[in-house]
Protein backbone atom coordinates (compact mmCIF):
# COMPACT_ATOMS: atom_id res chain seq x y z
CA MET A 1 0.00 0.00 0.00
CA ASN A 2 1.40 3.39 -1.03
CA GLU A 3 -0.78 5.94 0.70
CA SER A 4 1.18 8.88 -0.72
CA GLU A 5 -0.35 8.17 -4.15
CA HIS A 6 -3.87 8.74 -2.79
CA ILE A 7 -3.51 11.12 0.15
CA LYS A 8 -2.96 14.72 -0.94
CA ILE A 9 -1.63 17.51 1.23
CA MET A 10 -3.31 20.82 0.37
CA THR A 11 -4.84 23.79 2.12
CA ASN A 12 -8.46 23.78 3.20
CA GLU A 13 -9.24 26.39 0.53
CA GLU A 14 -7.58 24.30 -2.19
CA TYR A 15 -9.56 21.26 -1.11
CA HIS A 16 -12.92 23.07 -1.18
CA ASP A 17 -12.13 24.64 -4.56
CA SER A 18 -11.10 21.30 -6.09
CA ASP A 19 -13.36 19.03 -8.13
CA GLY A 20 -15.19 16.24 -6.37
CA LEU A 21 -18.37 15.61 -4.41
CA SER A 22 -17.78 15.72 -0.65
CA ALA A 23 -19.90 14.72 2.33
CA SER A 24 -20.77 18.38 2.88
CA GLY A 25 -21.96 18.64 -0.71
CA ILE A 26 -23.96 15.42 -0.44
CA LYS A 27 -25.65 16.61 2.76
CA LEU A 28 -26.58 19.87 1.06
CA ILE A 29 -28.00 18.01 -1.96
CA LEU A 30 -30.11 15.83 0.33
CA GLU A 31 -31.34 18.98 2.10
CA CYS A 32 -32.06 20.98 -1.06
CA PRO A 33 -30.41 20.63 -4.50
CA ARG A 34 -30.93 24.35 -5.18
CA LYS A 35 -28.70 25.13 -2.19
CA TYR A 36 -26.00 22.85 -3.59
CA TYR A 37 -26.22 24.61 -6.95
CA TYR A 38 -25.91 28.01 -5.28
CA ARG A 39 -22.95 26.98 -3.13
CA TYR A 40 -20.94 24.59 -5.32
CA ILE A 41 -21.94 25.27 -8.92
CA LEU A 42 -22.24 29.05 -8.70
CA LYS A 43 -19.49 29.03 -6.02
CA ASN A 44 -21.13 31.47 -3.61
CA LYS A 45 -19.06 31.06 -0.46
CA SER A 46 -20.62 31.78 2.90
CA LYS A 47 -18.78 33.88 5.46
CA PRO A 48 -17.53 31.75 8.38
CA THR A 49 -19.32 32.38 11.66
CA PRO A 50 -17.40 33.13 14.90
CA ALA A 51 -18.19 29.58 16.07
CA MET A 52 -16.73 28.14 12.86
CA LEU A 53 -13.59 30.24 13.18
CA GLU A 54 -13.17 29.15 16.79
CA GLY A 55 -13.62 25.51 15.79
CA SER A 56 -10.99 25.86 13.07
CA GLY A 57 -8.62 27.51 15.54
CA PHE A 58 -9.03 24.65 18.00
CA HIS A 59 -8.40 22.11 15.22
CA GLU A 60 -5.13 23.83 14.40
CA TYR A 61 -4.15 24.09 18.07
CA VAL A 62 -4.63 20.33 18.56
CA LEU A 63 -3.79 18.79 15.18
CA GLU A 64 -1.55 21.32 13.43
CA PRO A 65 0.16 23.30 16.21
CA GLU A 66 2.85 24.51 13.80
CA LYS A 67 0.16 26.47 11.94
CA PHE A 68 -1.55 27.91 15.01
CA LYS A 69 -1.05 31.69 15.20
CA LYS A 70 -1.16 32.85 18.81
CA GLU A 71 -1.32 36.48 17.76
CA ASN A 72 -4.80 35.89 16.32
CA TRP A 73 -6.25 34.84 19.66
CA LYS A 74 -6.69 36.40 23.09
CA PRO A 75 -4.67 34.75 25.94
CA GLU A 76 -7.87 33.56 27.64
CA LYS A 77 -8.98 31.80 24.47
CA ILE A 78 -5.58 30.12 24.13
CA GLU A 79 -5.85 29.01 27.75
CA GLN A 80 -9.29 27.58 26.98
CA PHE A 81 -7.88 25.67 24.00
CA LYS A 82 -5.10 24.37 26.26
CA LEU A 83 -7.54 23.07 28.86
CA MET A 84 -9.79 21.53 26.19
CA LYS A 85 -6.82 19.73 24.66
CA GLU A 86 -5.67 18.44 28.06
CA GLU A 87 -9.13 17.04 28.75
CA LEU A 88 -9.24 15.45 25.31
CA TYR A 89 -5.84 13.86 25.77
CA SER A 90 -6.91 12.43 29.13
CA ILE A 91 -8.87 9.83 27.13
CA PRO A 92 -6.71 6.67 27.04
CA THR A 93 -4.78 6.08 23.79
CA VAL A 94 -5.79 9.41 22.18
CA SER A 95 -2.33 10.95 22.55
CA ALA A 96 -0.62 7.90 21.03
CA MET A 97 -3.10 7.64 18.17
CA LEU A 98 -2.86 11.32 17.23
CA SER A 99 0.79 11.04 16.25
CA ASN A 100 2.72 10.01 13.14
CA GLY A 101 -0.36 10.43 10.97
CA PHE A 102 -1.82 12.93 8.50
CA ALA A 103 -3.61 16.03 9.79
CA GLU A 104 -6.13 17.66 7.43
CA SER A 105 -5.17 15.43 4.49
CA SER A 106 -7.34 15.08 1.39
CA LEU A 107 -8.41 11.93 -0.42
CA PHE A 108 -9.93 11.71 -3.92
CA TRP A 109 -11.39 8.65 -5.66
CA LYS A 110 -13.87 7.66 -8.34
CA ASP A 111 -17.06 6.00 -7.18
CA PRO A 112 -17.07 2.54 -8.85
CA GLU A 113 -20.86 2.52 -9.24
CA SER A 114 -21.46 5.98 -10.71
CA GLY A 115 -18.07 7.20 -11.90
CA VAL A 116 -18.53 10.39 -9.85
CA LEU A 117 -15.35 11.87 -8.38
CA LEU A 118 -15.66 11.83 -4.59
CA LYS A 119 -13.48 13.39 -1.93
CA THR A 120 -13.04 13.55 1.82
CA ARG A 121 -10.82 15.45 4.25
CA PRO A 122 -10.40 13.67 7.60
CA ASP A 123 -9.32 15.81 10.53
CA TYR A 124 -6.65 13.22 11.30
CA LEU A 125 -5.76 9.99 9.52
CA SER A 126 -3.68 7.30 11.23
CA ILE A 127 -2.44 4.64 8.83
CA LYS A 128 -0.80 2.76 11.71
CA HIS A 129 -4.01 2.48 13.72
CA LYS A 130 -6.31 2.22 10.66
CA ALA A 131 -8.42 5.01 12.04
CA ILE A 132 -9.90 8.35 11.06
CA PHE A 133 -10.28 10.87 13.86
CA ASP A 134 -12.86 13.63 13.61
CA LEU A 135 -12.47 16.37 16.19
CA LYS A 136 -15.67 18.08 17.31
CA THR A 137 -16.39 20.89 19.75
CA SER A 138 -19.83 20.88 21.33
CA CYS A 139 -22.02 22.36 24.04
CA ASP A 140 -22.76 18.80 25.15
CA ALA A 141 -20.33 15.93 24.53
CA SER A 142 -22.44 13.27 26.25
CA LYS A 143 -23.30 10.08 24.40
CA ASP A 144 -27.01 10.93 24.13
CA ALA A 145 -26.34 14.43 22.85
CA PHE A 146 -23.76 13.30 20.31
CA SER A 147 -26.13 10.62 19.06
CA ARG A 148 -28.54 13.43 18.17
CA SER A 149 -25.69 15.38 16.57
CA ILE A 150 -24.86 12.41 14.33
CA HIS A 151 -28.37 12.66 12.91
CA ASN A 152 -28.64 16.47 12.88
CA PHE A 153 -25.28 17.10 11.20
CA GLY A 154 -24.97 13.95 9.09
CA TYR A 155 -21.81 12.68 10.75
CA HIS A 156 -22.77 9.10 9.77
CA ILE A 157 -22.83 10.18 6.11
CA GLN A 158 -19.37 11.72 6.46
CA ALA A 159 -18.03 8.62 8.24
CA ALA A 160 -19.43 6.12 5.72
CA LEU A 161 -18.07 8.10 2.78
CA ALA A 162 -14.59 8.30 4.33
CA ILE A 163 -14.52 4.59 5.22
CA ASP A 164 -15.53 3.61 1.70
CA GLY A 165 -13.08 6.03 0.10
CA LEU A 166 -10.18 4.63 2.09
CA LYS A 167 -11.23 1.06 1.34
CA ILE A 168 -11.28 1.80 -2.41
CA SER A 169 -8.05 3.82 -2.36
CA LEU A 170 -5.91 1.93 0.12
CA GLY A 171 -7.61 -1.48 0.16
CA GLU A 172 -8.03 -1.59 3.93
CA GLU A 173 -10.81 -1.12 6.46
CA PHE A 174 -10.62 1.98 8.65
CA ASP A 175 -12.59 2.95 11.75
CA VAL A 176 -13.94 6.43 12.43
CA VAL A 177 -13.46 7.82 15.93
CA ASN A 178 -15.26 11.03 16.90
CA LEU A 179 -13.42 13.02 19.55
CA VAL A 180 -15.89 15.43 21.16
CA VAL A 181 -14.99 18.10 23.73
CA GLU A 182 -17.23 20.67 25.35
CA LYS A 183 -16.58 24.39 24.98
CA SER A 184 -17.27 25.35 28.59
CA GLU A 185 -15.67 24.33 31.87
CA PRO A 186 -14.82 21.69 32.93
CA TYR A 187 -14.48 20.83 29.19
CA CYS A 188 -15.80 17.27 29.45
CA SER A 189 -15.00 15.03 26.50
CA GLY A 190 -15.95 11.75 24.90
CA ALA A 191 -14.66 9.40 22.20
CA TYR A 192 -17.18 7.52 20.09
CA PHE A 193 -17.30 5.01 17.26
CA ILE A 194 -20.38 5.27 15.04
CA ASP A 195 -22.18 1.92 15.13
CA LEU A 196 -22.78 -0.30 12.10
CA PRO A 197 -26.51 0.47 11.67
CA ALA A 198 -25.77 4.21 11.60
CA LEU A 199 -22.95 3.68 9.09
CA ALA A 200 -25.28 1.58 6.92
CA LEU A 201 -27.80 4.42 6.96
CA GLY A 202 -25.05 6.93 6.20
CA ARG A 203 -23.97 4.83 3.23
CA LYS A 204 -27.55 4.60 1.96
CA LEU A 205 -27.96 8.36 2.26
CA TYR A 206 -24.72 9.26 0.48
CA ARG A 207 -25.59 6.89 -2.35
CA GLU A 208 -28.99 8.59 -2.63
CA GLY A 209 -27.19 11.93 -2.70
CA ILE A 210 -25.03 10.78 -5.61
CA LYS A 211 -28.15 9.72 -7.54
CA ILE A 212 -29.81 13.09 -6.97
CA TYR A 213 -26.60 14.89 -7.95
CA LEU A 214 -26.33 12.99 -11.25
CA LYS A 215 -30.01 13.54 -12.06
CA CYS A 216 -29.73 17.27 -11.38
CA LEU A 217 -26.47 17.53 -13.32
CA ASN A 218 -27.75 15.60 -16.35
CA ASN A 219 -31.03 17.56 -16.47
CA ASN A 220 -29.46 20.89 -15.49
CA PHE A 221 -32.32 21.18 -13.01
CA TRP A 222 -31.68 21.87 -9.32
CA PRO A 223 -35.03 21.96 -7.50
CA SER A 224 -35.85 23.82 -4.31
CA TYR A 225 -38.24 22.56 -1.58
CA THR A 226 -41.41 23.30 -3.52
CA TYR A 227 -40.20 22.95 -7.06
CA GLU A 228 -41.25 23.28 -10.65
CA ASP A 229 -42.12 19.99 -12.32
CA GLU A 230 -39.46 19.20 -14.90
CA LYS A 231 -41.98 18.37 -17.64
CA GLU A 232 -45.08 20.42 -16.87
CA ASN A 233 -43.18 23.44 -15.54
CA LYS A 234 -45.53 24.05 -12.62
CA LYS A 235 -45.14 24.25 -8.88
CA GLU A 236 -45.95 21.04 -7.02
CA ILE A 237 -47.74 21.77 -3.71
CA GLU A 238 -47.17 19.12 -1.07
CA THR A 239 -49.21 18.05 1.91
CA ILE A 240 -47.54 18.52 5.30
CA GLY A 241 -48.34 17.88 8.95
CA VAL A 242 -46.72 18.01 12.37
CA PRO A 243 -43.53 16.00 13.02
CA PHE A 244 -44.16 12.25 13.24
CA TRP A 245 -43.13 12.07 16.90
CA VAL A 246 -45.81 14.63 17.85
CA GLU A 247 -48.42 12.56 16.02
CA ASN A 248 -47.19 9.37 17.69
CA LYS A 249 -47.53 10.98 21.14
CA PHE A 250 -51.08 12.05 20.30
CA LEU A 251 -52.00 8.56 19.05
CA ALA A 252 -50.50 7.05 22.20
CA GLY A 253 -52.70 9.31 24.31
CA GLU A 254 -49.82 11.11 26.02
């Protein structure tokens, strides 16, 4: 296995500007193809929020300390990053596993089923431990809360895509480990594998995203939520109700 042939070192900007369908793009297509068209086809970049900038700063502090610029941060924020990292590294084996690997590396491959160029950018890739590490900051790093985050933010889609990409490119099975640390004292942390049923769902969803992408690309038609019918050119009005869990509670007599 020669990982250097498949793993590319590039800046975050170069990665996002490069060709290829990523997990972020797939999640946006599943949410609304028109949003994908606006962001990735027309290349309208959104301005990073303060929370996003802080998350990127913490990633650099932990995974790429040589790139971290202290002058861009107040001393109290650097102290917070320090305490968050110490809590994270108190998890057994984390320190050893986050060494001698690739931080913020990029991987590109062709999907065997569709021929679509796919890409992923793991926060940290350990060839030795056959593991991908995704670093997350959160208001709640508990198992229950992160389970909801997996669904809300599509982390299972991201994990399944990365696992499959590495299997195709390097010929080996990798695990995904999510390292989650809270942003307020005492900066509690957790380390979680995503279970097989969630990965199976993530794989099903990213494959559905590829199908939608190809259909939109081939027809040059990127629908919104309520969209124009491709043939009759009219708006299709849908029926909607309350969330299913509200209806279930009502039916159960709660």
